Amino acid sequence: MDSLGAPTEVRFRRSRRRVVASILLFLLGAWGLTVLLLTLVFGADWTGSLFYLSTLLGITVAGRRRLRGAAGLPLVLDGRGLRLIGPGGEPVAVDWTDLAEVRVRGRLDRKLVVELTENGNTRPESSRWQWPRVSRGSSTRVQLTVPLLGVSPGVGRLRRELAARHGAARQVAVDGQVS
């Protein structure tokens, strides 16, 4: 515990139950829309939509396999920075001061976007070519995107923790430069 009584480390992982629930909701919603479209617009029998259900199931299984190999989770936030799984499958740690931006993006397909500062380092030191890059004006920053499907304890908690910890680290850095 830190001086404010908050836990010094928060872990986020992929929950199998949340992933399955998300996939089922997606499948049922997409299939329901397909049934409505076929019956109301085209006047077809709803049983014809079973073909579309099997197609959606195949797409979902392929997406789940891609998710299994994705970088990122488990994710650990602590007082020093964040730790996640890098693109090569190895654990990587980044200090809060080396992060230019860290945010949750998207509504249906939520992702954690982590951008390093121009001189940002990781532990262990990573090859700069190992990471995806994003250009903004004259700078090129390293960016890692982590899919958050089924994240536990939840995206809301992740947003709150990121805002508090990254904001506090920025404030400490600014105070250190002023002194």
Protein backbone atom coordinates (compact mmCIF):
# COMPACT_ATOMS: atom_id res chain seq x y z
CA MET A 1 0.00 0.00 0.00
CA ASP A 2 1.16 3.53 -0.70
CA SER A 3 0.73 6.58 1.54
CA LEU A 4 -2.83 7.15 0.27
CA GLY A 5 -3.91 3.59 1.05
CA ALA A 6 -4.14 2.59 -2.63
CA PRO A 7 -2.58 -0.67 -3.77
CA THR A 8 0.90 -0.14 -5.20
CA GLU A 9 0.35 -2.74 -7.92
CA VAL A 10 -2.74 -3.48 -10.00
CA ARG A 11 -2.88 -6.47 -12.35
CA PHE A 12 -5.07 -6.72 -15.42
CA ARG A 13 -5.51 -10.03 -17.20
CA ARG A 14 -7.76 -11.57 -19.81
CA SER A 15 -10.75 -13.30 -18.22
CA ARG A 16 -11.92 -16.37 -20.12
CA ARG A 17 -15.52 -15.82 -18.91
CA ARG A 18 -15.55 -12.22 -20.14
CA VAL A 19 -14.10 -13.22 -23.51
CA VAL A 20 -16.72 -15.97 -23.97
CA ALA A 21 -19.53 -13.62 -22.89
CA SER A 22 -18.33 -10.93 -25.33
CA ILE A 23 -18.10 -13.42 -28.17
CA LEU A 24 -21.57 -14.82 -27.45
CA LEU A 25 -23.10 -11.35 -27.30
CA PHE A 26 -21.44 -10.46 -30.60
CA LEU A 27 -22.63 -13.67 -32.26
CA LEU A 28 -26.20 -13.39 -31.00
CA GLY A 29 -26.42 -9.71 -31.90
CA ALA A 30 -25.02 -10.19 -35.40
CA TRP A 31 -27.18 -13.23 -36.01
CA GLY A 32 -30.27 -11.41 -34.74
CA LEU A 33 -29.61 -8.53 -37.14
CA THR A 34 -29.12 -11.02 -39.98
CA VAL A 35 -32.44 -12.71 -39.17
CA LEU A 36 -34.21 -9.34 -39.08
CA LEU A 37 -32.67 -8.29 -42.37
CA LEU A 38 -33.54 -11.56 -44.10
CA THR A 39 -37.13 -11.72 -42.85
CA LEU A 40 -38.16 -8.06 -42.91
CA VAL A 41 -36.31 -6.79 -45.97
CA PHE A 42 -36.06 -9.85 -48.19
CA GLY A 43 -39.01 -11.86 -46.87
CA ALA A 44 -36.84 -14.97 -46.60
CA ASP A 45 -37.24 -17.77 -44.09
CA TRP A 46 -35.16 -17.27 -40.94
CA THR A 47 -33.61 -20.74 -41.28
CA GLY A 48 -31.51 -19.39 -44.15
CA SER A 49 -29.65 -17.32 -41.59
CA LEU A 50 -28.07 -20.44 -40.10
CA PHE A 51 -25.47 -20.25 -42.88
CA TYR A 52 -24.58 -16.75 -41.73
CA LEU A 53 -24.40 -17.91 -38.12
CA SER A 54 -21.81 -20.54 -39.04
CA THR A 55 -19.82 -17.90 -40.96
CA LEU A 56 -19.90 -15.57 -37.97
CA LEU A 57 -18.79 -18.43 -35.73
CA GLY A 58 -15.80 -19.11 -38.01
CA ILE A 59 -14.80 -15.44 -38.01
CA THR A 60 -15.09 -15.34 -34.23
CA VAL A 61 -12.92 -18.43 -33.74
CA ALA A 62 -10.27 -16.96 -36.06
CA GLY A 63 -10.38 -13.69 -34.12
CA ARG A 64 -10.01 -15.54 -30.82
CA ARG A 65 -6.93 -17.35 -32.10
CA ARG A 66 -5.43 -14.06 -33.23
CA LEU A 67 -6.20 -12.58 -29.81
CA ARG A 68 -4.40 -15.44 -28.07
CA GLY A 69 -1.13 -14.46 -29.79
CA ALA A 70 -1.60 -10.71 -29.29
CA ALA A 71 0.83 -8.65 -27.25
CA GLY A 72 -0.11 -6.98 -24.02
CA LEU A 73 -1.88 -8.90 -21.32
CA PRO A 74 -1.25 -9.57 -18.50
CA LEU A 75 -0.67 -5.90 -17.70
CA VAL A 76 0.69 -4.69 -14.37
CA LEU A 77 0.58 -1.07 -13.20
CA ASP A 78 2.77 -0.06 -10.28
CA GLY A 79 4.40 3.07 -8.86
CA ARG A 80 7.33 2.91 -11.26
CA GLY A 81 5.50 2.23 -14.53
CA LEU A 82 3.73 -0.50 -16.40
CA ARG A 83 4.70 -4.04 -17.36
CA LEU A 84 3.17 -5.85 -20.30
CA ILE A 85 3.95 -8.49 -22.89
CA GLY A 86 5.85 -7.04 -25.85
CA PRO A 87 5.52 -7.92 -29.53
CA GLY A 88 7.98 -10.81 -29.23
CA GLY A 89 6.09 -12.38 -26.32
CA GLU A 90 8.66 -11.23 -23.75
CA PRO A 91 7.76 -9.19 -20.66
CA VAL A 92 8.58 -5.49 -21.07
CA ALA A 93 8.56 -2.73 -18.45
CA VAL A 94 8.21 0.98 -19.19
CA ASP A 95 8.60 3.78 -16.64
CA TRP A 96 5.81 6.37 -16.39
CA THR A 97 8.30 9.09 -17.33
CA ASP A 98 9.12 7.28 -20.61
CA LEU A 99 5.47 7.26 -21.70
CA ALA A 100 4.34 10.07 -23.98
CA GLU A 101 0.77 8.85 -23.97
CA VAL A 102 -1.17 5.94 -22.56
CA ARG A 103 -4.92 5.71 -23.13
CA VAL A 104 -7.83 3.37 -23.78
CA ARG A 105 -9.24 3.87 -27.27
CA GLY A 106 -12.46 2.62 -28.84
CA ARG A 107 -15.93 1.69 -27.64
CA LEU A 108 -16.74 -1.72 -29.07
CA ASP A 109 -13.18 -2.82 -29.87
CA ARG A 110 -11.28 -1.32 -26.93
CA LYS A 111 -7.51 -1.13 -27.09
CA LEU A 112 -4.82 0.19 -24.79
CA VAL A 113 -2.50 2.48 -26.76
CA VAL A 114 0.97 2.95 -25.27
CA GLU A 115 3.29 5.51 -26.89
CA LEU A 116 6.87 5.97 -25.74
CA THR A 117 8.57 9.36 -25.66
CA GLU A 118 11.21 9.98 -28.32
CA ASN A 119 13.95 8.94 -25.90
CA GLY A 120 11.81 6.42 -24.02
CA ASN A 121 13.42 3.18 -22.96
CA THR A 122 12.04 -0.19 -22.02
CA ARG A 123 13.38 -2.79 -19.61
CA PRO A 124 14.89 -4.97 -20.94
CA GLU A 125 16.16 -2.69 -23.70
CA SER A 126 14.25 -3.47 -26.90
CA SER A 127 15.35 -3.03 -30.45
CA ARG A 128 13.67 0.05 -31.86
CA TRP A 129 12.63 -1.96 -34.93
CA GLN A 130 10.78 -4.51 -32.80
CA TRP A 131 7.98 -2.04 -32.02
CA PRO A 132 5.36 -0.55 -34.34
CA ARG A 133 5.87 3.16 -35.09
CA VAL A 134 3.46 6.05 -35.50
CA SER A 135 4.35 9.41 -37.04
CA ARG A 136 3.06 12.69 -35.66
CA GLY A 137 4.38 15.79 -37.35
CA SER A 138 8.17 15.72 -37.20
CA SER A 139 8.42 12.98 -34.56
CA THR A 140 8.17 9.23 -34.88
CA ARG A 141 7.16 7.50 -31.68
CA VAL A 142 7.07 3.87 -30.75
CA GLN A 143 3.52 2.65 -30.22
CA LEU A 144 2.12 -0.58 -28.86
CA THR A 145 -1.57 -1.45 -29.09
CA VAL A 146 -3.01 -3.99 -26.65
CA PRO A 147 -6.48 -5.51 -27.31
CA LEU A 148 -8.61 -5.33 -24.17
CA LEU A 149 -11.30 -7.91 -24.98
CA GLY A 150 -12.28 -9.61 -21.74
CA VAL A 151 -9.91 -7.63 -19.51
CA SER A 152 -10.41 -8.10 -15.81
CA PRO A 153 -10.98 -6.22 -13.41
CA GLY A 154 -12.40 -4.02 -16.19
CA VAL A 155 -11.72 -1.20 -18.63
CA GLY A 156 -13.19 1.46 -16.30
CA ARG A 157 -10.73 0.52 -13.57
CA LEU A 158 -7.89 0.52 -16.09
CA ARG A 159 -8.81 4.04 -17.26
CA ARG A 160 -8.93 5.33 -13.67
CA GLU A 161 -5.60 3.74 -12.74
CA LEU A 162 -3.89 5.04 -15.88
CA ALA A 163 -5.18 8.56 -15.35
CA ALA A 164 -4.11 8.65 -11.72
CA ARG A 165 -0.69 7.04 -12.13
CA HIS A 166 0.40 8.64 -15.41
CA GLY A 167 -0.92 12.03 -14.33
CA ALA A 168 0.94 11.82 -11.01
CA ALA A 169 4.18 10.81 -12.77
CA ARG A 170 3.85 13.75 -15.19
CA GLN A 171 3.30 16.14 -12.29
CA VAL A 172 6.39 14.82 -10.48
CA ALA A 173 8.44 15.21 -13.69
CA VAL A 174 7.24 18.80 -14.15
CA ASP A 175 7.95 19.61 -10.52
CA GLY A 176 11.44 18.13 -10.89
CA GLN A 177 12.18 20.29 -13.96
CA VAL A 178 10.96 23.47 -12.23
CA SER A 179 13.18 22.97 -9.15
